Amino acid sequence: MILFRFQTCRFLIFLFGLFISIFLFPISDIESAGIKGDFFLSLQARLIRDGFNQTMIRSVYKDPKVYLDKKIIKVYFTYREAKLNYDQFTTQQSITKAITYIREHMDAFQTAEKKFGVDREIITAIILVETQLGKVTGKKSILNTFSTLAALADPIVRDTLWKEISRTRKLDQKKFEKWSARKSKWAYRELKAYLKYSAKEKIPPSEVNGSFAGAMGIAQFLPSSILAYAKDGNNDGRIDLFNHSDAIASIAGYLKNYGWHPGIGLKKAYKIVYRYNRSSYYVNTVLTIAELLRG
């Protein structure tokens, strides 16, 4: 009888606690407080099937800094390139800062020019537009960005995010489904590349921030581009795109890979820079800055 009363009492306490949690913490708050980790279960299983160490993956996604970032999805549907003020980068003040930047990193530029045949002006122009000469590299978690987008392959995650975004945006669900299928495949490839890069460089995956699109460092490379084109500019045995020498060498290596060479014509230069960022507005701005830097 005493045992029965004890168990009954404990059960009532449990029900009371559940009641309190439901009414004090709405479902959205519960998700943001920890249940969110379940959204990445299928993603973790997929990564493990694709050869990533199980212990490492479980450890990565147990990190309290790792969560489903609903804001990332909203940003993708509100971001418009036309709203960006590229004209700010061609002002005399910006050009003066860029000239100072070249002087400060002259050794790195001279090495890049000698090794890759890419002039300092075009590299500086890209760094100016991408990150304001390394000052603005982004505040979004790279891991959360790619994990969230890759997790769209899971119907439960996709439905959760659809409900979230459809409250604030008038969207067609079929278009959202189509976008999700395409974006999740791309993000999964970038997520795998990022995990390989962070493991190689011994960087905690949750510690690196970048743009909402997952680009990172002074050069704003995607993880797949880091693995393919990034260079160790200061010869310290590491590739760190938050290091100016590495960023300068990496941009030079990227451009050279696509055919950049000394004395390159404007038409070909346009096509190569377009590979860096597929925006005519962006390319024209970068080429204009480079020309202004040459005087």
C-alpha atoms as a PDB file:
ATOM      1  CA  MET A   1       0.000   0.000   0.000  1.00  0.00           C
ATOM      2  CA  ILE A   2       2.830   2.425   0.880  1.00  0.00           C
ATOM      3  CA  LEU A   3       4.621   1.534  -2.398  1.00  0.00           C
ATOM      4  CA  PHE A   4       1.397   2.078  -4.326  1.00  0.00           C
ATOM      5  CA  ARG A   5       0.887   5.522  -2.731  1.00  0.00           C
ATOM      6  CA  PHE A   6       4.488   6.447  -3.445  1.00  0.00           C
ATOM      7  CA  GLN A   7       4.213   5.482  -7.125  1.00  0.00           C
ATOM      8  CA  THR A   8       0.871   7.285  -7.441  1.00  0.00           C
ATOM      9  CA  CYS A   9       2.344  10.407  -5.880  1.00  0.00           C
ATOM     10  CA  ARG A  10       5.360  10.285  -8.169  1.00  0.00           C
ATOM     11  CA  PHE A  11       3.073   9.885 -11.206  1.00  0.00           C
ATOM     12  CA  LEU A  12       0.995  12.891 -10.129  1.00  0.00           C
ATOM     13  CA  ILE A  13       4.155  14.969  -9.713  1.00  0.00           C
ATOM     14  CA  PHE A  14       5.193  13.941 -13.240  1.00  0.00           C
ATOM     15  CA  LEU A  15       1.799  15.006 -14.653  1.00  0.00           C
ATOM     16  CA  PHE A  16       2.012  18.302 -12.806  1.00  0.00           C
ATOM     17  CA  GLY A  17       5.477  18.942 -14.207  1.00  0.00           C
ATOM     18  CA  LEU A  18       4.294  18.107 -17.714  1.00  0.00           C
ATOM     19  CA  PHE A  19       1.304  20.428 -17.294  1.00  0.00           C
ATOM     20  CA  ILE A  20       3.558  23.281 -16.168  1.00  0.00           C
ATOM     21  CA  SER A  21       6.039  22.760 -19.035  1.00  0.00           C
ATOM     22  CA  ILE A  22       3.300  22.812 -21.658  1.00  0.00           C
ATOM     23  CA  PHE A  23       1.642  25.973 -20.396  1.00  0.00           C
ATOM     24  CA  LEU A  24       4.765  27.889 -19.433  1.00  0.00           C
ATOM     25  CA  PHE A  25       6.793  26.912 -22.502  1.00  0.00           C
ATOM     26  CA  PRO A  26       4.980  26.876 -25.867  1.00  0.00           C
ATOM     27  CA  ILE A  27       6.050  24.275 -28.427  1.00  0.00           C
ATOM     28  CA  SER A  28       8.234  26.786 -30.314  1.00  0.00           C
ATOM     29  CA  ASP A  29      10.095  27.595 -27.091  1.00  0.00           C
ATOM     30  CA  ILE A  30      10.539  23.927 -26.241  1.00  0.00           C
ATOM     31  CA  GLU A  31      12.064  23.376 -29.678  1.00  0.00           C
ATOM     32  CA  SER A  32      14.518  26.204 -29.143  1.00  0.00           C
ATOM     33  CA  ALA A  33      15.371  24.854 -25.694  1.00  0.00           C
ATOM     34  CA  GLY A  34      16.593  21.416 -26.694  1.00  0.00           C
ATOM     35  CA  ILE A  35      14.108  19.194 -28.520  1.00  0.00           C
ATOM     36  CA  LYS A  36      15.482  20.869 -31.651  1.00  0.00           C
ATOM     37  CA  GLY A  37      18.377  18.391 -31.620  1.00  0.00           C
ATOM     38  CA  ASP A  38      16.014  15.651 -32.832  1.00  0.00           C
ATOM     39  CA  PHE A  39      15.631  17.478 -36.134  1.00  0.00           C
ATOM     40  CA  PHE A  40      19.144  16.366 -37.075  1.00  0.00           C
ATOM     41  CA  LEU A  41      18.778  12.652 -36.293  1.00  0.00           C
ATOM     42  CA  SER A  42      18.215  11.563 -39.887  1.00  0.00           C
ATOM     43  CA  LEU A  43      20.983  13.903 -41.045  1.00  0.00           C
ATOM     44  CA  GLN A  44      23.404  12.344 -38.565  1.00  0.00           C
ATOM     45  CA  ALA A  45      22.492   8.846 -39.748  1.00  0.00           C
ATOM     46  CA  ARG A  46      23.100   9.896 -43.333  1.00  0.00           C
ATOM     47  CA  LEU A  47      26.519  11.358 -42.538  1.00  0.00           C
ATOM     48  CA  ILE A  48      27.507   8.184 -40.689  1.00  0.00           C
ATOM     49  CA  ARG A  49      26.371   6.034 -43.620  1.00  0.00           C
ATOM     50  CA  ASP A  50      28.530   8.180 -45.869  1.00  0.00           C
ATOM     51  CA  GLY A  51      31.640   7.349 -43.877  1.00  0.00           C
ATOM     52  CA  PHE A  52      31.910   9.943 -41.123  1.00  0.00           C
ATOM     53  CA  ASN A  53      32.942   8.635 -37.728  1.00  0.00           C
ATOM     54  CA  GLN A  54      29.855   7.930 -35.635  1.00  0.00           C
ATOM     55  CA  THR A  55      31.363   9.140 -32.371  1.00  0.00           C
ATOM     56  CA  MET A  56      32.495  12.371 -33.994  1.00  0.00           C
ATOM     57  CA  ILE A  57      29.109  13.065 -35.597  1.00  0.00           C
ATOM     58  CA  ARG A  58      27.179  12.356 -32.399  1.00  0.00           C
ATOM     59  CA  SER A  59      29.541  14.635 -30.501  1.00  0.00           C
ATOM     60  CA  VAL A  60      29.162  17.449 -33.034  1.00  0.00           C
ATOM     61  CA  TYR A  61      25.380  17.416 -32.858  1.00  0.00           C
ATOM     62  CA  LYS A  62      25.265  17.178 -29.076  1.00  0.00           C
ATOM     63  CA  ASP A  63      26.902  20.584 -28.887  1.00  0.00           C
ATOM     64  CA  PRO A  64      24.313  23.046 -27.459  1.00  0.00           C
ATOM     65  CA  LYS A  65      25.437  25.587 -30.051  1.00  0.00           C
ATOM     66  CA  VAL A  66      24.067  23.377 -32.823  1.00  0.00           C
ATOM     67  CA  TYR A  67      20.400  23.864 -33.653  1.00  0.00           C
ATOM     68  CA  LEU A  68      17.874  24.100 -36.464  1.00  0.00           C
ATOM     69  CA  ASP A  69      18.155  27.722 -37.583  1.00  0.00           C
ATOM     70  CA  LYS A  70      14.719  28.734 -38.839  1.00  0.00           C
ATOM     71  CA  LYS A  71      15.908  32.281 -39.492  1.00  0.00           C
ATOM     72  CA  ILE A  72      18.239  31.003 -42.213  1.00  0.00           C
ATOM     73  CA  ILE A  73      15.252  29.807 -44.244  1.00  0.00           C
ATOM     74  CA  LYS A  74      13.513  33.154 -43.863  1.00  0.00           C
ATOM     75  CA  VAL A  75      16.610  35.028 -45.000  1.00  0.00           C
ATOM     76  CA  TYR A  76      16.743  33.023 -48.229  1.00  0.00           C
ATOM     77  CA  PHE A  77      13.256  34.226 -49.099  1.00  0.00           C
ATOM     78  CA  THR A  78      13.820  37.866 -48.171  1.00  0.00           C
ATOM     79  CA  TYR A  79      17.367  38.452 -49.454  1.00  0.00           C
ATOM     80  CA  ARG A  80      17.556  40.477 -52.624  1.00  0.00           C
ATOM     81  CA  GLU A  81      20.858  41.356 -54.249  1.00  0.00           C
ATOM     82  CA  ALA A  82      19.415  44.528 -55.751  1.00  0.00           C
ATOM     83  CA  LYS A  83      19.149  45.951 -52.237  1.00  0.00           C
ATOM     84  CA  LEU A  84      22.910  45.724 -51.761  1.00  0.00           C
ATOM     85  CA  ASN A  85      24.726  49.012 -52.158  1.00  0.00           C
ATOM     86  CA  TYR A  86      27.700  48.102 -54.334  1.00  0.00           C
ATOM     87  CA  ASP A  87      28.342  51.774 -55.075  1.00  0.00           C
ATOM     88  CA  GLN A  88      29.795  52.166 -51.586  1.00  0.00           C
ATOM     89  CA  PHE A  89      32.849  50.198 -52.697  1.00  0.00           C
ATOM     90  CA  THR A  90      33.803  52.567 -55.524  1.00  0.00           C
ATOM     91  CA  THR A  91      33.899  55.747 -53.443  1.00  0.00           C
ATOM     92  CA  GLN A  92      37.208  57.518 -52.930  1.00  0.00           C
ATOM     93  CA  GLN A  93      37.144  56.562 -49.253  1.00  0.00           C
ATOM     94  CA  SER A  94      36.827  52.857 -50.080  1.00  0.00           C
ATOM     95  CA  ILE A  95      39.520  53.000 -52.722  1.00  0.00           C
ATOM     96  CA  THR A  96      41.882  54.749 -50.291  1.00  0.00           C
ATOM     97  CA  LYS A  97      41.273  52.006 -47.722  1.00  0.00           C
ATOM     98  CA  ALA A  98      41.940  49.375 -50.383  1.00  0.00           C
ATOM     99  CA  ILE A  99      45.240  51.003 -51.341  1.00  0.00           C
ATOM    100  CA  THR A 100      46.254  51.004 -47.667  1.00  0.00           C
ATOM    101  CA  TYR A 101      45.279  47.324 -47.459  1.00  0.00           C
ATOM    102  CA  ILE A 102      47.581  46.471 -50.367  1.00  0.00           C
ATOM    103  CA  ARG A 103      50.478  48.252 -48.680  1.00  0.00           C
ATOM    104  CA  GLU A 104      49.854  46.446 -45.396  1.00  0.00           C
ATOM    105  CA  HIS A 105      49.882  43.025 -47.081  1.00  0.00           C
ATOM    106  CA  MET A 106      52.403  43.718 -49.833  1.00  0.00           C
ATOM    107  CA  ASP A 107      54.480  40.589 -49.165  1.00  0.00           C
ATOM    108  CA  ALA A 108      51.419  38.342 -49.534  1.00  0.00           C
ATOM    109  CA  PHE A 109      50.366  40.094 -52.749  1.00  0.00           C
ATOM    110  CA  GLN A 110      53.835  39.877 -54.273  1.00  0.00           C
ATOM    111  CA  THR A 111      54.000  36.166 -53.478  1.00  0.00           C
ATOM    112  CA  ALA A 112      50.555  35.573 -54.993  1.00  0.00           C
ATOM    113  CA  GLU A 113      51.405  37.531 -58.125  1.00  0.00           C
ATOM    114  CA  LYS A 114      54.633  35.609 -58.600  1.00  0.00           C
ATOM    115  CA  LYS A 115      53.117  32.170 -57.926  1.00  0.00           C
ATOM    116  CA  PHE A 116      49.713  32.494 -59.596  1.00  0.00           C
ATOM    117  CA  GLY A 117      50.016  35.418 -62.004  1.00  0.00           C
ATOM    118  CA  VAL A 118      47.004  37.189 -60.487  1.00  0.00           C
ATOM    119  CA  ASP A 119      47.370  40.922 -59.882  1.00  0.00           C
ATOM    120  CA  ARG A 120      46.879  42.483 -56.452  1.00  0.00           C
ATOM    121  CA  GLU A 121      44.192  44.876 -57.664  1.00  0.00           C
ATOM    122  CA  ILE A 122      41.669  42.198 -58.624  1.00  0.00           C
ATOM    123  CA  ILE A 123      42.299  40.226 -55.407  1.00  0.00           C
ATOM    124  CA  THR A 124      41.852  43.360 -53.301  1.00  0.00           C
ATOM    125  CA  ALA A 125      38.688  44.308 -55.186  1.00  0.00           C
ATOM    126  CA  ILE A 126      37.162  40.927 -54.353  1.00  0.00           C
ATOM    127  CA  ILE A 127      38.140  41.171 -50.681  1.00  0.00           C
ATOM    128  CA  LEU A 128      36.747  44.706 -50.492  1.00  0.00           C
ATOM    129  CA  VAL A 129      33.344  43.681 -51.855  1.00  0.00           C
ATOM    130  CA  GLU A 130      33.160  40.342 -50.049  1.00  0.00           C
ATOM    131  CA  THR A 131      34.133  41.390 -46.529  1.00  0.00           C
ATOM    132  CA  GLN A 132      35.118  45.076 -46.540  1.00  0.00           C
ATOM    133  CA  LEU A 133      38.781  44.078 -46.443  1.00  0.00           C
ATOM    134  CA  GLY A 134      38.234  41.370 -43.850  1.00  0.00           C
ATOM    135  CA  LYS A 135      36.172  43.420 -41.398  1.00  0.00           C
ATOM    136  CA  VAL A 136      32.764  41.815 -42.064  1.00  0.00           C
ATOM    137  CA  THR A 137      32.964  38.038 -42.398  1.00  0.00           C
ATOM    138  CA  GLY A 138      29.483  37.071 -41.164  1.00  0.00           C
ATOM    139  CA  LYS A 139      27.885  36.024 -37.888  1.00  0.00           C
ATOM    140  CA  LYS A 140      25.907  32.924 -38.836  1.00  0.00           C
ATOM    141  CA  SER A 141      27.102  29.501 -37.715  1.00  0.00           C
ATOM    142  CA  ILE A 142      28.466  27.634 -40.748  1.00  0.00           C
ATOM    143  CA  LEU A 143      27.516  24.302 -39.200  1.00  0.00           C
ATOM    144  CA  ASN A 144      23.971  25.387 -38.359  1.00  0.00           C
ATOM    145  CA  THR A 145      23.449  26.884 -41.802  1.00  0.00           C
ATOM    146  CA  PHE A 146      24.403  23.781 -43.764  1.00  0.00           C
ATOM    147  CA  SER A 147      22.845  21.385 -41.257  1.00  0.00           C
ATOM    148  CA  THR A 148      19.530  23.231 -41.379  1.00  0.00           C
ATOM    149  CA  LEU A 149      19.432  23.359 -45.163  1.00  0.00           C
ATOM    150  CA  ALA A 150      20.624  19.763 -45.546  1.00  0.00           C
ATOM    151  CA  ALA A 151      17.975  18.609 -43.057  1.00  0.00           C
ATOM    152  CA  LEU A 152      15.273  19.818 -45.466  1.00  0.00           C
ATOM    153  CA  ALA A 153      15.607  16.381 -47.050  1.00  0.00           C
ATOM    154  CA  ASP A 154      13.740  15.076 -43.996  1.00  0.00           C
ATOM    155  CA  PRO A 155       9.934  15.478 -44.461  1.00  0.00           C
ATOM    156  CA  ILE A 156       9.434  16.280 -40.765  1.00  0.00           C
ATOM    157  CA  VAL A 157      12.002  19.069 -40.839  1.00  0.00           C
ATOM    158  CA  ARG A 158      10.675  20.347 -44.160  1.00  0.00           C
ATOM    159  CA  ASP A 159       7.116  20.479 -42.816  1.00  0.00           C
ATOM    160  CA  THR A 160       8.258  22.245 -39.642  1.00  0.00           C
ATOM    161  CA  LEU A 161      10.122  24.910 -41.597  1.00  0.00           C
ATOM    162  CA  TRP A 162       7.312  25.298 -44.114  1.00  0.00           C
ATOM    163  CA  LYS A 163       4.864  26.080 -41.319  1.00  0.00           C
ATOM    164  CA  GLU A 164       7.327  28.574 -39.907  1.00  0.00           C
ATOM    165  CA  ILE A 165       7.995  30.479 -43.117  1.00  0.00           C
ATOM    166  CA  SER A 166       4.443  30.349 -44.498  1.00  0.00           C
ATOM    167  CA  ARG A 167       3.281  32.420 -41.524  1.00  0.00           C
ATOM    168  CA  THR A 168       5.288  35.420 -42.671  1.00  0.00           C
ATOM    169  CA  ARG A 169       5.645  34.918 -46.438  1.00  0.00           C
ATOM    170  CA  LYS A 170       3.116  34.202 -49.162  1.00  0.00           C
ATOM    171  CA  LEU A 171       4.657  31.186 -50.819  1.00  0.00           C
ATOM    172  CA  ASP A 172       3.477  28.286 -52.892  1.00  0.00           C
ATOM    173  CA  GLN A 173       4.159  25.044 -51.023  1.00  0.00           C
ATOM    174  CA  LYS A 174       5.044  23.170 -54.219  1.00  0.00           C
ATOM    175  CA  LYS A 175       7.678  25.783 -55.022  1.00  0.00           C
ATOM    176  CA  PHE A 176       8.987  25.518 -51.471  1.00  0.00           C
ATOM    177  CA  GLU A 177       9.211  21.720 -51.803  1.00  0.00           C
ATOM    178  CA  LYS A 178      11.086  22.051 -55.093  1.00  0.00           C
ATOM    179  CA  TRP A 179      13.446  24.649 -53.622  1.00  0.00           C
ATOM    180  CA  SER A 180      14.010  22.459 -50.554  1.00  0.00           C
ATOM    181  CA  ALA A 181      14.919  19.406 -52.639  1.00  0.00           C
ATOM    182  CA  ARG A 182      17.486  21.369 -54.631  1.00  0.00           C
ATOM    183  CA  LYS A 183      18.890  23.327 -51.696  1.00  0.00           C
ATOM    184  CA  SER A 184      19.194  20.311 -49.379  1.00  0.00           C
ATOM    185  CA  LYS A 185      21.332  18.408 -51.920  1.00  0.00           C
ATOM    186  CA  TRP A 186      23.652  21.382 -52.327  1.00  0.00           C
ATOM    187  CA  ALA A 187      23.859  21.996 -48.568  1.00  0.00           C
ATOM    188  CA  TYR A 188      24.586  18.349 -47.810  1.00  0.00           C
ATOM    189  CA  ARG A 189      27.577  18.411 -50.150  1.00  0.00           C
ATOM    190  CA  GLU A 190      28.824  21.613 -48.512  1.00  0.00           C
ATOM    191  CA  LEU A 191      28.216  20.204 -45.030  1.00  0.00           C
ATOM    192  CA  LYS A 192      30.364  17.155 -45.804  1.00  0.00           C
ATOM    193  CA  ALA A 193      33.091  19.404 -47.206  1.00  0.00           C
ATOM    194  CA  TYR A 194      32.933  21.606 -44.104  1.00  0.00           C
ATOM    195  CA  LEU A 195      33.198  18.653 -41.719  1.00  0.00           C
ATOM    196  CA  LYS A 196      36.208  17.344 -43.675  1.00  0.00           C
ATOM    197  CA  TYR A 197      37.867  20.756 -43.612  1.00  0.00           C
ATOM    198  CA  SER A 198      37.234  21.359 -39.908  1.00  0.00           C
ATOM    199  CA  ALA A 199      38.529  17.874 -39.054  1.00  0.00           C
ATOM    200  CA  LYS A 200      41.653  18.366 -41.146  1.00  0.00           C
ATOM    201  CA  GLU A 201      42.424  21.736 -39.565  1.00  0.00           C
ATOM    202  CA  LYS A 202      41.307  20.593 -36.099  1.00  0.00           C
ATOM    203  CA  ILE A 203      38.677  23.315 -35.842  1.00  0.00           C
ATOM    204  CA  PRO A 204      35.582  22.745 -33.646  1.00  0.00           C
ATOM    205  CA  PRO A 205      32.781  22.721 -36.283  1.00  0.00           C
ATOM    206  CA  SER A 206      30.419  24.862 -34.196  1.00  0.00           C
ATOM    207  CA  GLU A 207      32.981  27.623 -33.687  1.00  0.00           C
ATOM    208  CA  VAL A 208      33.146  29.088 -37.218  1.00  0.00           C
ATOM    209  CA  ASN A 209      30.777  31.817 -38.404  1.00  0.00           C
ATOM    210  CA  GLY A 210      30.164  33.107 -41.889  1.00  0.00           C
ATOM    211  CA  SER A 211      27.505  34.482 -44.207  1.00  0.00           C
ATOM    212  CA  PHE A 212      23.895  33.300 -44.259  1.00  0.00           C
ATOM    213  CA  ALA A 213      24.807  31.350 -47.428  1.00  0.00           C
ATOM    214  CA  GLY A 214      27.607  29.467 -45.679  1.00  0.00           C
ATOM    215  CA  ALA A 215      30.580  31.355 -47.130  1.00  0.00           C
ATOM    216  CA  MET A 216      33.419  31.853 -44.692  1.00  0.00           C
ATOM    217  CA  GLY A 217      36.558  33.844 -44.063  1.00  0.00           C
ATOM    218  CA  ILE A 218      38.045  36.948 -45.628  1.00  0.00           C
ATOM    219  CA  ALA A 219      37.687  35.371 -49.079  1.00  0.00           C
ATOM    220  CA  GLN A 220      34.132  34.101 -48.409  1.00  0.00           C
ATOM    221  CA  PHE A 221      34.789  30.618 -49.789  1.00  0.00           C
ATOM    222  CA  LEU A 222      32.245  27.843 -49.562  1.00  0.00           C
ATOM    223  CA  PRO A 223      33.646  24.664 -47.935  1.00  0.00           C
ATOM    224  CA  SER A 224      33.832  22.827 -51.270  1.00  0.00           C
ATOM    225  CA  SER A 225      35.923  25.674 -52.684  1.00  0.00           C
ATOM    226  CA  ILE A 226      38.191  25.547 -49.638  1.00  0.00           C
ATOM    227  CA  LEU A 227      38.935  21.872 -50.254  1.00  0.00           C
ATOM    228  CA  ALA A 228      39.501  22.451 -53.971  1.00  0.00           C
ATOM    229  CA  TYR A 229      41.262  25.814 -54.184  1.00  0.00           C
ATOM    230  CA  ALA A 230      42.329  27.229 -50.801  1.00  0.00           C
ATOM    231  CA  LYS A 231      46.047  27.811 -50.290  1.00  0.00           C
ATOM    232  CA  ASP A 232      48.445  28.127 -47.372  1.00  0.00           C
ATOM    233  CA  GLY A 233      49.686  31.636 -48.082  1.00  0.00           C
ATOM    234  CA  ASN A 234      51.924  32.093 -45.041  1.00  0.00           C
ATOM    235  CA  ASN A 235      53.419  28.571 -45.107  1.00  0.00           C
ATOM    236  CA  ASP A 236      52.431  27.692 -41.557  1.00  0.00           C
ATOM    237  CA  GLY A 237      51.058  24.294 -42.567  1.00  0.00           C
ATOM    238  CA  ARG A 238      47.411  25.332 -42.164  1.00  0.00           C
ATOM    239  CA  ILE A 239      44.691  26.833 -44.317  1.00  0.00           C
ATOM    240  CA  ASP A 240      42.902  29.562 -42.416  1.00  0.00           C
ATOM    241  CA  LEU A 241      40.748  31.853 -44.526  1.00  0.00           C
ATOM    242  CA  PHE A 242      40.516  34.299 -41.630  1.00  0.00           C
ATOM    243  CA  ASN A 243      44.229  34.885 -42.189  1.00  0.00           C
ATOM    244  CA  HIS A 244      44.944  37.563 -44.804  1.00  0.00           C
ATOM    245  CA  SER A 245      47.886  35.784 -46.421  1.00  0.00           C
ATOM    246  CA  ASP A 246      45.899  32.563 -46.824  1.00  0.00           C
ATOM    247  CA  ALA A 247      42.884  34.462 -48.152  1.00  0.00           C
ATOM    248  CA  ILE A 248      44.963  36.380 -50.706  1.00  0.00           C
ATOM    249  CA  ALA A 249      46.687  33.212 -51.934  1.00  0.00           C
ATOM    250  CA  SER A 250      43.391  31.319 -52.059  1.00  0.00           C
ATOM    251  CA  ILE A 251      41.661  33.926 -54.212  1.00  0.00           C
ATOM    252  CA  ALA A 252      44.686  33.984 -56.516  1.00  0.00           C
ATOM    253  CA  GLY A 253      44.664  30.197 -56.756  1.00  0.00           C
ATOM    254  CA  TYR A 254      40.944  30.156 -57.503  1.00  0.00           C
ATOM    255  CA  LEU A 255      41.188  32.742 -60.286  1.00  0.00           C
ATOM    256  CA  LYS A 256      44.237  31.083 -61.830  1.00  0.00           C
ATOM    257  CA  ASN A 257      42.425  27.743 -61.877  1.00  0.00           C
ATOM    258  CA  TYR A 258      39.775  29.277 -64.129  1.00  0.00           C
ATOM    259  CA  GLY A 259      42.269  30.853 -66.504  1.00  0.00           C
ATOM    260  CA  TRP A 260      43.390  34.170 -65.064  1.00  0.00           C
ATOM    261  CA  HIS A 261      46.768  35.303 -66.393  1.00  0.00           C
ATOM    262  CA  PRO A 262      48.812  38.517 -66.586  1.00  0.00           C
ATOM    263  CA  GLY A 263      47.445  40.884 -69.212  1.00  0.00           C
ATOM    264  CA  ILE A 264      44.074  39.148 -69.350  1.00  0.00           C
ATOM    265  CA  GLY A 265      41.401  40.854 -71.462  1.00  0.00           C
ATOM    266  CA  LEU A 266      38.269  42.403 -69.983  1.00  0.00           C
ATOM    267  CA  LYS A 267      35.883  39.868 -71.551  1.00  0.00           C
ATOM    268  CA  LYS A 268      37.708  36.861 -70.130  1.00  0.00           C
ATOM    269  CA  ALA A 269      38.269  38.593 -66.789  1.00  0.00           C
ATOM    270  CA  TYR A 270      34.505  39.108 -66.564  1.00  0.00           C
ATOM    271  CA  LYS A 271      33.805  35.407 -67.115  1.00  0.00           C
ATOM    272  CA  ILE A 272      36.324  34.314 -64.479  1.00  0.00           C
ATOM    273  CA  VAL A 273      35.125  36.725 -61.788  1.00  0.00           C
ATOM    274  CA  TYR A 274      31.568  35.654 -62.610  1.00  0.00           C
ATOM    275  CA  ARG A 275      32.537  32.166 -61.459  1.00  0.00           C
ATOM    276  CA  TYR A 276      33.455  33.637 -58.085  1.00  0.00           C
ATOM    277  CA  ASN A 277      30.042  35.239 -57.721  1.00  0.00           C
ATOM    278  CA  ARG A 278      27.359  34.693 -60.369  1.00  0.00           C
ATOM    279  CA  SER A 279      26.116  38.265 -60.378  1.00  0.00           C
ATOM    280  CA  SER A 280      26.691  40.812 -63.135  1.00  0.00           C
ATOM    281  CA  TYR A 281      26.289  43.604 -60.599  1.00  0.00           C
ATOM    282  CA  TYR A 282      29.013  42.036 -58.454  1.00  0.00           C
ATOM    283  CA  VAL A 283      31.420  41.400 -61.356  1.00  0.00           C
ATOM    284  CA  ASN A 284      31.108  44.895 -62.800  1.00  0.00           C
ATOM    285  CA  THR A 285      31.779  46.391 -59.366  1.00  0.00           C
ATOM    286  CA  VAL A 286      34.867  44.233 -58.795  1.00  0.00           C
ATOM    287  CA  LEU A 287      36.306  45.089 -62.223  1.00  0.00           C
ATOM    288  CA  THR A 288      35.610  48.790 -61.664  1.00  0.00           C
ATOM    289  CA  ILE A 289      37.387  48.735 -58.300  1.00  0.00           C
ATOM    290  CA  ALA A 290      40.393  46.943 -59.790  1.00  0.00           C
ATOM    291  CA  GLU A 291      40.639  49.588 -62.505  1.00  0.00           C
ATOM    292  CA  LEU A 292      40.419  52.409 -59.962  1.00  0.00           C
ATOM    293  CA  LEU A 293      43.190  50.773 -57.918  1.00  0.00           C
ATOM    294  CA  ARG A 294      45.432  50.637 -60.960  1.00  0.00           C
ATOM    295  CA  GLY A 295      44.959  54.395 -61.299  1.00  0.00           C
END
